[in-house]
């Protein structure tokens, strides 16, 4: 597999926010979201065997692991890596951009699926069939740049009854949308979603790697 970086940090997003875990960032991505903060993972990485990855993860002595990217489902070995982590009794999270089939992900993995809003300039790449394969343990993340994105996400939420299928997260683009505005809109509309911010960017500089 081609690995961009492996490092310990706290989870900055999702319902696991604040929990220490090991991040395995895979190289390559098929999307080019306007606000991407990990463009360095588009191509940069080194080859590692799954055994070597597991050894690197074990050295940090943490119980939670997230596989992220880039887009981790591009690499054909990713399902095997996820299964090996589950077999090693880690709590395993996968963050995916929502353009690849999630059915390849083994049972027991928490799938965090980023549904791309229009502000990302990649909303046409959403694989809507994934909605039919959601589990209650999955999480759907909408990253919102402005009111237009919010209205779009609200319509998708209601059209597909997403809150009945998985936990739904609404997150403001860091540095572009005031979280207070997003919170007010959600309260006004009584939406069944979780407001989240990127906690790690409030702890470390937004451009810092390995956090």
N, C-alpha and C. Protein backbone atom coordinates (compact mmCIF):
# COMPACT_ATOMS: atom_id res chain seq x y z
N UNK A 1 0.84 -1.18 0.00
CA UNK A 1 0.00 0.00 0.00
C UNK A 1 0.89 1.25 0.00
N UNK A 2 0.33 2.36 -0.48
CA UNK A 2 1.08 3.62 -0.49
C UNK A 2 0.55 4.49 0.65
N UNK A 3 1.42 4.74 1.62
CA UNK A 3 1.06 5.44 2.86
C UNK A 3 1.68 6.83 2.86
N UNK A 4 0.85 7.81 3.11
CA UNK A 4 1.36 9.18 3.21
C UNK A 4 1.96 9.45 4.58
N UNK A 5 1.24 9.05 5.64
CA UNK A 5 1.76 9.24 7.00
C UNK A 5 0.95 8.39 7.98
N UNK A 6 1.60 8.04 9.08
CA UNK A 6 0.96 7.36 10.21
C UNK A 6 1.36 8.13 11.46
N UNK A 7 0.38 8.56 12.25
CA UNK A 7 0.70 9.42 13.39
C UNK A 7 -0.41 9.34 14.43
N UNK A 8 -0.08 9.63 15.70
CA UNK A 8 -1.10 9.69 16.75
C UNK A 8 -1.62 11.11 16.90
N UNK A 9 -2.89 11.25 17.19
CA UNK A 9 -3.47 12.55 17.46
C UNK A 9 -4.81 12.34 18.16
N UNK A 10 -5.52 13.42 18.39
CA UNK A 10 -6.91 13.27 18.85
C UNK A 10 -7.80 13.38 17.62
N UNK A 11 -8.94 12.71 17.67
CA UNK A 11 -9.92 12.82 16.59
C UNK A 11 -10.53 14.22 16.63
N UNK A 12 -10.45 14.93 15.52
CA UNK A 12 -10.94 16.30 15.49
C UNK A 12 -12.37 16.43 15.02
N UNK A 13 -12.96 15.33 14.51
CA UNK A 13 -14.30 15.41 13.94
C UNK A 13 -15.10 14.16 14.32
N UNK A 14 -16.38 14.17 13.94
CA UNK A 14 -17.30 13.04 14.14
C UNK A 14 -17.70 12.90 15.60
N UNK A 15 -18.50 11.89 15.90
CA UNK A 15 -18.92 11.66 17.28
C UNK A 15 -17.77 11.15 18.14
N UNK A 16 -16.63 10.85 17.52
CA UNK A 16 -15.44 10.40 18.24
C UNK A 16 -14.51 11.58 18.55
N UNK A 17 -14.97 12.80 18.37
CA UNK A 17 -14.16 13.99 18.60
C UNK A 17 -13.50 13.95 19.98
N UNK A 18 -12.21 14.23 20.01
CA UNK A 18 -11.47 14.31 21.26
C UNK A 18 -10.81 13.03 21.70
N UNK A 19 -11.12 11.91 21.04
CA UNK A 19 -10.56 10.61 21.45
C UNK A 19 -9.18 10.43 20.82
N UNK A 20 -8.16 10.05 21.60
CA UNK A 20 -6.85 9.77 21.02
C UNK A 20 -6.91 8.56 20.10
N UNK A 21 -6.24 8.65 18.97
CA UNK A 21 -6.21 7.52 18.03
C UNK A 21 -5.04 7.65 17.09
N UNK A 22 -4.77 6.57 16.38
CA UNK A 22 -3.74 6.55 15.35
C UNK A 22 -4.40 6.79 14.00
N UNK A 23 -3.81 7.69 13.23
CA UNK A 23 -4.31 7.97 11.89
C UNK A 23 -3.38 7.33 10.86
N UNK A 24 -3.97 6.60 9.94
CA UNK A 24 -3.26 6.04 8.79
C UNK A 24 -3.75 6.80 7.57
N UNK A 25 -2.92 7.68 7.05
CA UNK A 25 -3.32 8.47 5.88
C UNK A 25 -2.78 7.82 4.62
N UNK A 26 -3.68 7.36 3.77
CA UNK A 26 -3.28 6.75 2.52
C UNK A 26 -3.09 7.83 1.44
N UNK A 27 -2.21 7.55 0.50
CA UNK A 27 -1.97 8.46 -0.61
C UNK A 27 -3.04 8.29 -1.69
N UNK A 28 -3.17 9.31 -2.51
CA UNK A 28 -4.02 9.37 -3.71
C UNK A 28 -5.44 9.82 -3.37
N UNK A 29 -5.99 10.61 -4.27
CA UNK A 29 -7.39 11.04 -4.16
C UNK A 29 -7.92 11.31 -5.55
N UNK A 30 -9.17 10.93 -5.79
CA UNK A 30 -9.82 11.16 -7.07
C UNK A 30 -10.62 12.46 -7.09
N UNK A 31 -10.68 13.17 -5.95
CA UNK A 31 -11.42 14.42 -5.85
C UNK A 31 -10.45 15.58 -5.62
N UNK A 32 -10.96 16.78 -5.90
CA UNK A 32 -10.16 17.99 -5.69
C UNK A 32 -11.07 19.06 -5.05
N UNK A 33 -11.47 18.80 -3.82
CA UNK A 33 -12.36 19.73 -3.13
C UNK A 33 -11.65 21.08 -2.95
N UNK A 34 -12.42 22.14 -3.09
CA UNK A 34 -11.85 23.49 -3.09
C UNK A 34 -11.07 23.79 -1.82
N UNK A 35 -11.53 23.29 -0.68
CA UNK A 35 -10.89 23.63 0.59
C UNK A 35 -10.03 22.50 1.16
N UNK A 36 -9.65 21.57 0.33
CA UNK A 36 -8.89 20.42 0.82
C UNK A 36 -7.67 20.87 1.63
N UNK A 37 -7.50 20.29 2.82
CA UNK A 37 -6.36 20.63 3.66
C UNK A 37 -5.31 19.53 3.68
N UNK A 38 -5.47 18.53 2.81
CA UNK A 38 -4.48 17.44 2.75
C UNK A 38 -4.05 17.19 1.30
N UNK A 39 -3.89 18.25 0.54
CA UNK A 39 -3.47 18.08 -0.86
C UNK A 39 -2.12 17.40 -0.96
N UNK A 40 -1.33 17.47 0.10
CA UNK A 40 -0.02 16.81 0.09
C UNK A 40 -0.14 15.29 -0.03
N UNK A 41 -1.34 14.75 0.20
CA UNK A 41 -1.54 13.31 0.09
C UNK A 41 -1.99 12.88 -1.30
N UNK A 42 -2.15 13.81 -2.23
CA UNK A 42 -2.63 13.45 -3.56
C UNK A 42 -1.69 12.47 -4.25
N UNK A 43 -0.41 12.63 -4.06
CA UNK A 43 0.58 11.78 -4.74
C UNK A 43 1.66 11.26 -3.80
N UNK A 44 1.96 12.00 -2.74
CA UNK A 44 3.13 11.71 -1.91
C UNK A 44 2.88 10.53 -0.98
N UNK A 45 3.78 9.55 -1.01
CA UNK A 45 3.66 8.42 -0.10
C UNK A 45 4.76 7.41 -0.32
N UNK A 46 4.83 6.45 0.61
CA UNK A 46 5.81 5.37 0.46
C UNK A 46 5.10 4.03 0.60
N UNK A 47 5.64 3.05 -0.08
CA UNK A 47 5.03 1.72 -0.05
C UNK A 47 5.32 1.03 1.28
N UNK A 48 4.28 0.44 1.85
CA UNK A 48 4.41 -0.33 3.08
C UNK A 48 3.52 -1.56 2.97
N UNK A 49 3.98 -2.65 3.56
CA UNK A 49 3.13 -3.84 3.63
C UNK A 49 2.11 -3.65 4.75
N UNK A 50 1.04 -4.43 4.71
CA UNK A 50 0.04 -4.34 5.77
C UNK A 50 0.66 -4.74 7.11
N UNK A 51 1.53 -5.72 7.11
CA UNK A 51 2.21 -6.10 8.36
C UNK A 51 3.00 -4.93 8.94
N UNK A 52 3.70 -4.20 8.07
CA UNK A 52 4.49 -3.05 8.54
C UNK A 52 3.58 -1.94 9.06
N UNK A 53 2.44 -1.74 8.42
CA UNK A 53 1.48 -0.73 8.89
C UNK A 53 0.97 -1.10 10.28
N UNK A 54 0.60 -2.36 10.47
CA UNK A 54 0.10 -2.81 11.77
C UNK A 54 1.17 -2.66 12.85
N UNK A 55 2.40 -2.93 12.50
CA UNK A 55 3.50 -2.78 13.47
C UNK A 55 3.66 -1.31 13.86
N UNK A 56 3.56 -0.41 12.88
CA UNK A 56 3.68 1.02 13.17
C UNK A 56 2.53 1.50 14.05
N UNK A 57 1.33 1.02 13.78
CA UNK A 57 0.16 1.40 14.58
C UNK A 57 0.31 0.90 16.02
N UNK A 58 0.73 -0.34 16.17
CA UNK A 58 0.84 -0.96 17.51
C UNK A 58 1.83 -0.21 18.39
N UNK A 59 2.82 0.42 17.79
CA UNK A 59 3.85 1.11 18.57
C UNK A 59 3.28 2.27 19.38
N UNK A 60 2.14 2.81 18.97
CA UNK A 60 1.56 3.95 19.68
C UNK A 60 0.68 3.55 20.85
N UNK A 61 0.34 2.26 20.94
CA UNK A 61 -0.39 1.71 22.09
C UNK A 61 -1.73 2.43 22.33
N UNK A 62 -2.45 2.72 21.26
CA UNK A 62 -3.78 3.30 21.34
C UNK A 62 -4.81 2.29 20.85
N UNK A 63 -6.05 2.49 21.23
CA UNK A 63 -7.09 1.49 20.94
C UNK A 63 -7.95 1.84 19.74
N UNK A 64 -7.85 3.08 19.26
CA UNK A 64 -8.66 3.54 18.13
C UNK A 64 -7.74 3.87 16.95
N UNK A 65 -8.22 3.54 15.75
CA UNK A 65 -7.47 3.80 14.52
C UNK A 65 -8.42 4.36 13.47
N UNK A 66 -7.98 5.42 12.78
CA UNK A 66 -8.74 5.89 11.62
C UNK A 66 -7.90 5.76 10.36
N UNK A 67 -8.50 5.19 9.33
CA UNK A 67 -7.90 5.13 8.00
C UNK A 67 -8.52 6.24 7.17
N UNK A 68 -7.67 7.12 6.64
CA UNK A 68 -8.16 8.29 5.94
C UNK A 68 -7.29 8.53 4.71
N UNK A 69 -7.42 9.72 4.11
CA UNK A 69 -6.64 9.99 2.91
C UNK A 69 -6.41 11.47 2.75
N UNK A 70 -6.32 11.90 1.49
CA UNK A 70 -6.67 11.21 0.26
C UNK A 70 -8.04 10.54 0.30
N UNK A 71 -8.18 9.59 -0.62
CA UNK A 71 -9.36 8.75 -0.66
C UNK A 71 -8.92 7.31 -0.45
N UNK A 72 -9.12 6.78 0.76
CA UNK A 72 -8.58 5.45 1.08
C UNK A 72 -9.16 4.32 0.25
N UNK A 73 -10.37 4.47 -0.29
CA UNK A 73 -10.97 3.36 -1.03
C UNK A 73 -10.45 3.26 -2.46
N UNK A 74 -9.52 4.12 -2.85
CA UNK A 74 -8.88 3.97 -4.16
C UNK A 74 -7.96 2.75 -4.17
N UNK A 75 -7.28 2.51 -3.05
CA UNK A 75 -6.31 1.42 -3.01
C UNK A 75 -7.02 0.09 -2.75
N UNK A 76 -6.75 -0.88 -3.59
CA UNK A 76 -7.49 -2.15 -3.54
C UNK A 76 -7.22 -2.94 -2.27
N UNK A 77 -6.11 -2.66 -1.58
CA UNK A 77 -5.77 -3.39 -0.36
C UNK A 77 -6.46 -2.82 0.88
N UNK A 78 -7.15 -1.70 0.74
CA UNK A 78 -7.74 -1.05 1.91
C UNK A 78 -8.71 -1.95 2.67
N UNK A 79 -9.62 -2.68 2.01
CA UNK A 79 -10.51 -3.57 2.78
C UNK A 79 -9.74 -4.59 3.61
N UNK A 80 -8.64 -5.13 3.07
CA UNK A 80 -7.86 -6.09 3.84
C UNK A 80 -7.22 -5.41 5.05
N UNK A 81 -6.67 -4.20 4.87
CA UNK A 81 -6.09 -3.47 5.99
C UNK A 81 -7.14 -3.24 7.07
N UNK A 82 -8.33 -2.82 6.67
CA UNK A 82 -9.39 -2.59 7.64
C UNK A 82 -9.76 -3.86 8.40
N UNK A 83 -9.84 -4.97 7.68
CA UNK A 83 -10.18 -6.24 8.34
C UNK A 83 -9.08 -6.66 9.31
N UNK A 84 -7.83 -6.46 8.93
CA UNK A 84 -6.72 -6.82 9.82
C UNK A 84 -6.77 -5.97 11.09
N UNK A 85 -7.13 -4.71 10.97
CA UNK A 85 -7.24 -3.85 12.14
C UNK A 85 -8.40 -4.30 13.03
N UNK A 86 -9.52 -4.66 12.44
CA UNK A 86 -10.65 -5.19 13.21
C UNK A 86 -10.24 -6.47 13.92
N UNK A 87 -9.55 -7.35 13.21
CA UNK A 87 -9.10 -8.62 13.81
C UNK A 87 -8.16 -8.39 14.98
N UNK A 88 -7.41 -7.28 14.93
CA UNK A 88 -6.49 -6.94 16.02
C UNK A 88 -7.21 -6.23 17.17
N UNK A 89 -8.53 -6.13 17.06
CA UNK A 89 -9.41 -5.61 18.12
C UNK A 89 -9.26 -4.11 18.36
N UNK A 90 -8.92 -3.38 17.31
CA UNK A 90 -8.99 -1.93 17.38
C UNK A 90 -10.42 -1.48 17.10
N UNK A 91 -10.79 -0.30 17.63
CA UNK A 91 -11.96 0.40 17.13
C UNK A 91 -11.52 1.12 15.87
N UNK A 92 -12.15 0.80 14.73
CA UNK A 92 -11.64 1.25 13.43
C UNK A 92 -12.64 2.19 12.76
N UNK A 93 -12.14 3.36 12.35
CA UNK A 93 -12.91 4.33 11.61
C UNK A 93 -12.32 4.46 10.21
N UNK A 94 -13.20 4.67 9.24
CA UNK A 94 -12.77 4.95 7.87
C UNK A 94 -13.41 6.25 7.43
N UNK A 95 -12.61 7.20 6.95
CA UNK A 95 -13.16 8.43 6.40
C UNK A 95 -13.02 8.39 4.88
N UNK A 96 -14.15 8.49 4.18
CA UNK A 96 -14.17 8.38 2.73
C UNK A 96 -14.92 9.55 2.13
N UNK A 97 -14.54 9.95 0.92
CA UNK A 97 -15.11 11.12 0.28
C UNK A 97 -16.47 10.92 -0.34
N UNK A 98 -17.02 9.72 -0.29
CA UNK A 98 -18.38 9.49 -0.75
C UNK A 98 -18.54 9.23 -2.23
N UNK A 99 -17.43 9.10 -2.95
CA UNK A 99 -17.51 8.85 -4.39
C UNK A 99 -17.20 7.39 -4.74
N UNK A 100 -16.88 6.58 -3.74
CA UNK A 100 -16.51 5.17 -3.96
C UNK A 100 -17.50 4.26 -3.22
N UNK A 101 -17.63 3.05 -3.71
CA UNK A 101 -18.59 2.09 -3.16
C UNK A 101 -18.18 1.67 -1.76
N UNK A 102 -19.04 1.91 -0.77
CA UNK A 102 -18.72 1.57 0.62
C UNK A 102 -19.01 0.10 0.94
N UNK A 103 -19.59 -0.64 0.01
CA UNK A 103 -19.90 -2.04 0.29
C UNK A 103 -18.66 -2.90 0.46
N UNK A 104 -17.49 -2.40 0.00
CA UNK A 104 -16.26 -3.17 0.13
C UNK A 104 -15.69 -3.10 1.55
N UNK A 105 -16.24 -2.23 2.38
CA UNK A 105 -15.72 -2.02 3.74
C UNK A 105 -16.20 -3.14 4.65
N UNK A 106 -15.31 -3.79 5.40
CA UNK A 106 -15.71 -4.91 6.26
C UNK A 106 -16.66 -4.48 7.37
N UNK A 107 -17.46 -5.44 7.83
CA UNK A 107 -18.33 -5.21 8.97
C UNK A 107 -17.50 -4.83 10.19
N UNK A 108 -18.04 -3.96 11.01
CA UNK A 108 -17.36 -3.56 12.23
C UNK A 108 -16.61 -2.25 12.10
N UNK A 109 -16.45 -1.75 10.87
CA UNK A 109 -15.77 -0.47 10.65
C UNK A 109 -16.80 0.65 10.70
N UNK A 110 -16.49 1.72 11.42
CA UNK A 110 -17.33 2.91 11.43
C UNK A 110 -17.00 3.71 10.17
N UNK A 111 -17.96 3.84 9.29
CA UNK A 111 -17.74 4.53 8.01
C UNK A 111 -18.22 5.97 8.13
N UNK A 112 -17.28 6.92 7.96
CA UNK A 112 -17.60 8.35 7.99
C UNK A 112 -17.55 8.81 6.54
N UNK A 113 -18.73 9.14 6.00
CA UNK A 113 -18.86 9.41 4.57
C UNK A 113 -19.10 10.90 4.37
N UNK A 114 -18.22 11.53 3.63
CA UNK A 114 -18.28 12.97 3.38
C UNK A 114 -19.12 13.22 2.13
N UNK A 115 -20.36 13.68 2.33
CA UNK A 115 -21.20 14.02 1.19
C UNK A 115 -20.83 15.42 0.72
N UNK A 116 -20.41 15.50 -0.52
CA UNK A 116 -19.85 16.76 -1.04
C UNK A 116 -20.95 17.75 -1.40
N UNK A 117 -20.88 18.93 -0.79
CA UNK A 117 -21.83 20.01 -1.07
C UNK A 117 -21.36 20.81 -2.29
N UNK A 118 -22.25 21.62 -2.88
CA UNK A 118 -21.87 22.39 -4.08
C UNK A 118 -20.63 23.26 -3.88
N UNK A 119 -20.45 23.82 -2.67
CA UNK A 119 -19.30 24.68 -2.43
C UNK A 119 -17.96 23.98 -2.58
N UNK A 120 -17.96 22.66 -2.49
CA UNK A 120 -16.72 21.90 -2.66
C UNK A 120 -16.28 21.81 -4.11
N UNK A 121 -17.23 22.06 -5.03
CA UNK A 121 -17.05 21.90 -6.47
C UNK A 121 -16.91 20.43 -6.87
N UNK A 122 -17.35 19.53 -6.00
CA UNK A 122 -17.28 18.10 -6.30
C UNK A 122 -18.62 17.40 -6.02
N UNK A 123 -19.70 18.16 -5.91
CA UNK A 123 -20.98 17.54 -5.52
C UNK A 123 -21.51 16.59 -6.59
N UNK A 124 -21.06 16.74 -7.83
CA UNK A 124 -21.51 15.81 -8.88
C UNK A 124 -20.87 14.44 -8.75
N UNK A 125 -19.90 14.30 -7.85
CA UNK A 125 -19.18 13.03 -7.71
C UNK A 125 -19.76 12.14 -6.61
N UNK A 126 -20.77 12.64 -5.88
CA UNK A 126 -21.37 11.82 -4.83
C UNK A 126 -21.96 10.54 -5.42
N UNK A 127 -21.65 9.42 -4.79
CA UNK A 127 -22.22 8.14 -5.20
C UNK A 127 -23.46 7.89 -4.34
N UNK A 128 -24.62 8.30 -4.86
CA UNK A 128 -25.83 8.29 -4.06
C UNK A 128 -26.29 6.88 -3.69
N UNK A 129 -25.83 5.89 -4.45
CA UNK A 129 -26.19 4.51 -4.12
C UNK A 129 -25.70 4.11 -2.73
N UNK A 130 -24.67 4.79 -2.24
CA UNK A 130 -24.14 4.47 -0.91
C UNK A 130 -25.20 4.63 0.18
N UNK A 131 -26.16 5.52 -0.03
CA UNK A 131 -27.20 5.75 0.98
C UNK A 131 -27.98 4.47 1.27
N UNK A 132 -28.13 3.63 0.25
CA UNK A 132 -28.88 2.39 0.42
C UNK A 132 -28.11 1.34 1.22
N UNK A 133 -26.85 1.60 1.48
CA UNK A 133 -26.00 0.60 2.16
C UNK A 133 -25.48 1.11 3.51
N UNK A 134 -26.15 2.12 4.07
CA UNK A 134 -25.72 2.67 5.36
C UNK A 134 -26.09 1.75 6.51
N UNK A 135 -25.25 1.77 7.54
CA UNK A 135 -25.53 1.11 8.80
C UNK A 135 -25.76 2.16 9.88
N UNK A 136 -26.48 1.81 10.95
CA UNK A 136 -26.69 2.79 12.03
C UNK A 136 -25.39 3.32 12.64
N UNK A 137 -24.30 2.56 12.54
CA UNK A 137 -23.02 3.00 13.10
C UNK A 137 -22.29 3.98 12.18
N UNK A 138 -22.77 4.15 10.95
CA UNK A 138 -22.12 5.04 10.00
C UNK A 138 -22.42 6.50 10.33
N UNK A 139 -21.61 7.39 9.78
CA UNK A 139 -21.81 8.82 9.98
C UNK A 139 -21.68 9.53 8.63
N UNK A 140 -22.59 10.47 8.40
CA UNK A 140 -22.59 11.25 7.16
C UNK A 140 -22.18 12.68 7.49
N UNK A 141 -21.14 13.15 6.83
CA UNK A 141 -20.61 14.48 7.11
C UNK A 141 -20.87 15.41 5.94
N UNK A 142 -21.46 16.57 6.21
CA UNK A 142 -21.64 17.63 5.23
C UNK A 142 -20.74 18.79 5.65
N UNK A 143 -19.80 19.16 4.80
CA UNK A 143 -18.95 20.32 5.06
C UNK A 143 -19.53 21.49 4.29
N UNK A 144 -19.88 22.56 5.02
CA UNK A 144 -20.68 23.64 4.46
C UNK A 144 -19.88 24.94 4.38
N UNK A 145 -19.94 25.59 3.21
CA UNK A 145 -19.20 26.83 3.02
C UNK A 145 -20.07 28.06 3.23
N UNK A 146 -21.39 27.92 3.03
CA UNK A 146 -22.26 29.10 3.07
C UNK A 146 -23.71 28.66 3.19
N UNK A 147 -24.62 29.64 3.16
CA UNK A 147 -26.04 29.34 3.29
C UNK A 147 -26.55 28.45 2.16
N UNK A 148 -26.02 28.65 0.96
CA UNK A 148 -26.43 27.80 -0.17
C UNK A 148 -26.12 26.34 0.11
N UNK A 149 -24.92 26.07 0.63
CA UNK A 149 -24.57 24.70 0.99
C UNK A 149 -25.51 24.17 2.08
N UNK A 150 -25.83 25.02 3.05
CA UNK A 150 -26.72 24.59 4.13
C UNK A 150 -28.09 24.21 3.58
N UNK A 151 -28.65 25.04 2.73
CA UNK A 151 -29.98 24.75 2.18
C UNK A 151 -29.95 23.47 1.35
N UNK A 152 -28.88 23.28 0.60
CA UNK A 152 -28.72 22.06 -0.20
C UNK A 152 -28.64 20.83 0.70
N UNK A 153 -27.83 20.91 1.75
CA UNK A 153 -27.67 19.78 2.66
C UNK A 153 -28.97 19.48 3.40
N UNK A 154 -29.68 20.51 3.79
CA UNK A 154 -30.96 20.30 4.47
C UNK A 154 -31.94 19.56 3.55
N UNK A 155 -31.95 19.92 2.27
CA UNK A 155 -32.85 19.26 1.33
C UNK A 155 -32.47 17.79 1.14
N UNK A 156 -31.17 17.51 1.04
CA UNK A 156 -30.71 16.12 0.91
C UNK A 156 -31.05 15.32 2.16
N UNK A 157 -30.83 15.92 3.32
CA UNK A 157 -31.16 15.29 4.60
C UNK A 157 -32.61 14.86 4.63
N UNK A 158 -33.50 15.76 4.23
CA UNK A 158 -34.93 15.47 4.31
C UNK A 158 -35.40 14.55 3.20
N UNK A 159 -34.87 14.73 2.00
CA UNK A 159 -35.30 13.90 0.87
C UNK A 159 -35.01 12.43 1.09
N UNK A 160 -33.83 12.15 1.67
CA UNK A 160 -33.40 10.76 1.86
C UNK A 160 -33.62 10.25 3.29
N UNK A 161 -34.27 11.05 4.15
CA UNK A 161 -34.49 10.66 5.56
C UNK A 161 -33.19 10.17 6.18
N UNK A 162 -32.11 10.93 5.98
CA UNK A 162 -30.78 10.47 6.38
C UNK A 162 -30.65 10.25 7.88
N UNK A 163 -31.32 11.09 8.67
CA UNK A 163 -31.19 10.95 10.13
C UNK A 163 -31.76 9.65 10.64
N UNK A 164 -32.60 8.99 9.83
CA UNK A 164 -33.13 7.67 10.21
C UNK A 164 -32.18 6.54 9.85
N UNK A 165 -31.16 6.85 9.07
CA UNK A 165 -30.25 5.82 8.55
C UNK A 165 -28.88 5.83 9.23
N UNK A 166 -28.42 7.01 9.65
CA UNK A 166 -27.08 7.15 10.23
C UNK A 166 -27.01 8.48 10.96
N UNK A 167 -25.93 8.67 11.72
CA UNK A 167 -25.74 9.97 12.36
C UNK A 167 -25.28 10.98 11.31
N UNK A 168 -25.85 12.19 11.37
CA UNK A 168 -25.55 13.22 10.38
C UNK A 168 -24.81 14.36 11.06
N UNK A 169 -23.71 14.78 10.44
CA UNK A 169 -22.84 15.82 10.97
C UNK A 169 -22.82 17.00 10.00
N UNK A 170 -23.04 18.20 10.51
CA UNK A 170 -22.90 19.42 9.72
C UNK A 170 -21.69 20.18 10.25
N UNK A 171 -20.75 20.49 9.35
CA UNK A 171 -19.49 21.11 9.75
C UNK A 171 -19.22 22.34 8.91
N UNK A 172 -18.91 23.49 9.52
CA UNK A 172 -18.56 24.68 8.73
C UNK A 172 -17.14 24.59 8.18
N UNK A 173 -16.95 25.09 6.97
CA UNK A 173 -15.60 25.17 6.43
C UNK A 173 -14.77 26.08 7.33
N UNK A 174 -13.65 25.57 7.79
CA UNK A 174 -12.80 26.31 8.72
C UNK A 174 -12.34 27.61 8.08
N UNK A 175 -12.59 28.71 8.78
CA UNK A 175 -12.14 30.00 8.30
C UNK A 175 -13.06 30.67 7.30
N UNK A 176 -14.15 30.00 6.89
CA UNK A 176 -15.07 30.58 5.91
C UNK A 176 -16.45 30.83 6.49
N UNK A 177 -16.98 29.89 7.25
CA UNK A 177 -18.31 30.05 7.83
C UNK A 177 -18.20 30.15 9.34
N UNK A 178 -18.92 31.08 9.92
CA UNK A 178 -18.96 31.23 11.37
C UNK A 178 -19.82 30.10 11.95
N UNK A 179 -19.26 29.28 12.85
CA UNK A 179 -20.06 28.20 13.44
C UNK A 179 -21.34 28.70 14.11
N UNK A 180 -21.34 29.95 14.58
CA UNK A 180 -22.55 30.49 15.20
C UNK A 180 -23.69 30.58 14.19
N UNK A 181 -23.38 30.95 12.95
CA UNK A 181 -24.41 31.03 11.92
C UNK A 181 -25.00 29.65 11.64
N UNK A 182 -24.12 28.68 11.46
CA UNK A 182 -24.59 27.32 11.20
C UNK A 182 -25.45 26.81 12.34
N UNK A 183 -25.03 27.05 13.56
CA UNK A 183 -25.79 26.59 14.73
C UNK A 183 -27.16 27.24 14.77
N UNK A 184 -27.22 28.52 14.47
CA UNK A 184 -28.50 29.23 14.49
C UNK A 184 -29.46 28.67 13.45
N UNK A 185 -28.96 28.40 12.24
CA UNK A 185 -29.83 27.84 11.19
C UNK A 185 -30.36 26.48 11.59
N UNK A 186 -29.50 25.65 12.16
CA UNK A 186 -29.93 24.31 12.58
C UNK A 186 -30.99 24.40 13.67
N UNK A 187 -30.79 25.30 14.62
CA UNK A 187 -31.78 25.47 15.69
C UNK A 187 -33.10 26.01 15.13
N UNK A 188 -33.02 26.95 14.22
CA UNK A 188 -34.23 27.51 13.62
C UNK A 188 -35.02 26.44 12.88
N UNK A 189 -34.32 25.53 12.22
CA UNK A 189 -34.98 24.49 11.41
C UNK A 189 -35.18 23.19 12.18
N UNK A 190 -34.73 23.15 13.43
CA UNK A 190 -34.82 21.95 14.29
C UNK A 190 -34.36 20.70 13.53
N UNK A 191 -33.18 20.79 12.93
CA UNK A 191 -32.66 19.65 12.18
C UNK A 191 -32.06 18.61 13.12
N UNK A 192 -32.26 17.32 12.83
CA UNK A 192 -31.71 16.25 13.67
C UNK A 192 -30.27 15.91 13.29
N UNK A 193 -29.38 16.89 13.46
CA UNK A 193 -27.98 16.71 13.08
C UNK A 193 -27.08 17.15 14.23
N UNK A 194 -25.81 16.74 14.14
CA UNK A 194 -24.80 17.16 15.11
C UNK A 194 -23.94 18.25 14.49
N UNK A 195 -23.77 19.37 15.19
CA UNK A 195 -22.84 20.42 14.76
C UNK A 195 -21.44 19.99 15.17
N UNK A 196 -20.50 20.10 14.24
CA UNK A 196 -19.12 19.77 14.59
C UNK A 196 -18.19 20.81 14.00
N UNK A 197 -17.08 21.01 14.67
CA UNK A 197 -15.98 21.82 14.14
C UNK A 197 -14.75 20.93 14.09
N UNK A 198 -13.72 21.39 13.40
CA UNK A 198 -12.48 20.62 13.32
C UNK A 198 -11.62 20.95 14.54
N UNK A 199 -11.81 20.17 15.59
CA UNK A 199 -11.20 20.47 16.88
C UNK A 199 -9.68 20.60 16.79
N UNK A 200 -9.06 19.75 15.97
CA UNK A 200 -7.60 19.77 15.89
C UNK A 200 -7.07 21.12 15.38
N UNK A 201 -7.89 21.84 14.60
CA UNK A 201 -7.45 23.13 14.08
C UNK A 201 -7.56 24.25 15.11
N UNK A 202 -8.26 23.96 16.19
CA UNK A 202 -8.30 24.91 17.30
C UNK A 202 -7.19 24.64 18.32
N UNK A 203 -6.55 23.48 18.19
CA UNK A 203 -5.45 23.11 19.08
C UNK A 203 -4.10 23.41 18.46
N UNK A 204 -3.95 23.05 17.17
CA UNK A 204 -2.71 23.26 16.45
C UNK A 204 -2.97 24.19 15.26
N UNK A 205 -1.93 24.79 14.69
CA UNK A 205 -2.11 25.62 13.48
C UNK A 205 -2.77 24.81 12.38
N UNK A 206 -3.67 25.45 11.63
CA UNK A 206 -4.46 24.73 10.62
C UNK A 206 -3.60 24.05 9.57
N UNK A 207 -2.42 24.62 9.29
CA UNK A 207 -1.59 24.07 8.24
C UNK A 207 -0.61 23.00 8.75
N UNK A 208 -0.60 22.74 10.05
CA UNK A 208 0.37 21.80 10.61
C UNK A 208 0.01 20.37 10.23
N UNK A 209 1.02 19.60 9.82
CA UNK A 209 0.82 18.19 9.47
C UNK A 209 1.06 17.30 10.65
N UNK A 210 0.54 16.07 10.56
CA UNK A 210 0.79 15.08 11.60
C UNK A 210 0.05 15.35 12.88
N UNK A 211 -1.10 16.05 12.80
CA UNK A 211 -1.91 16.30 13.98
C UNK A 211 -3.36 15.92 13.69
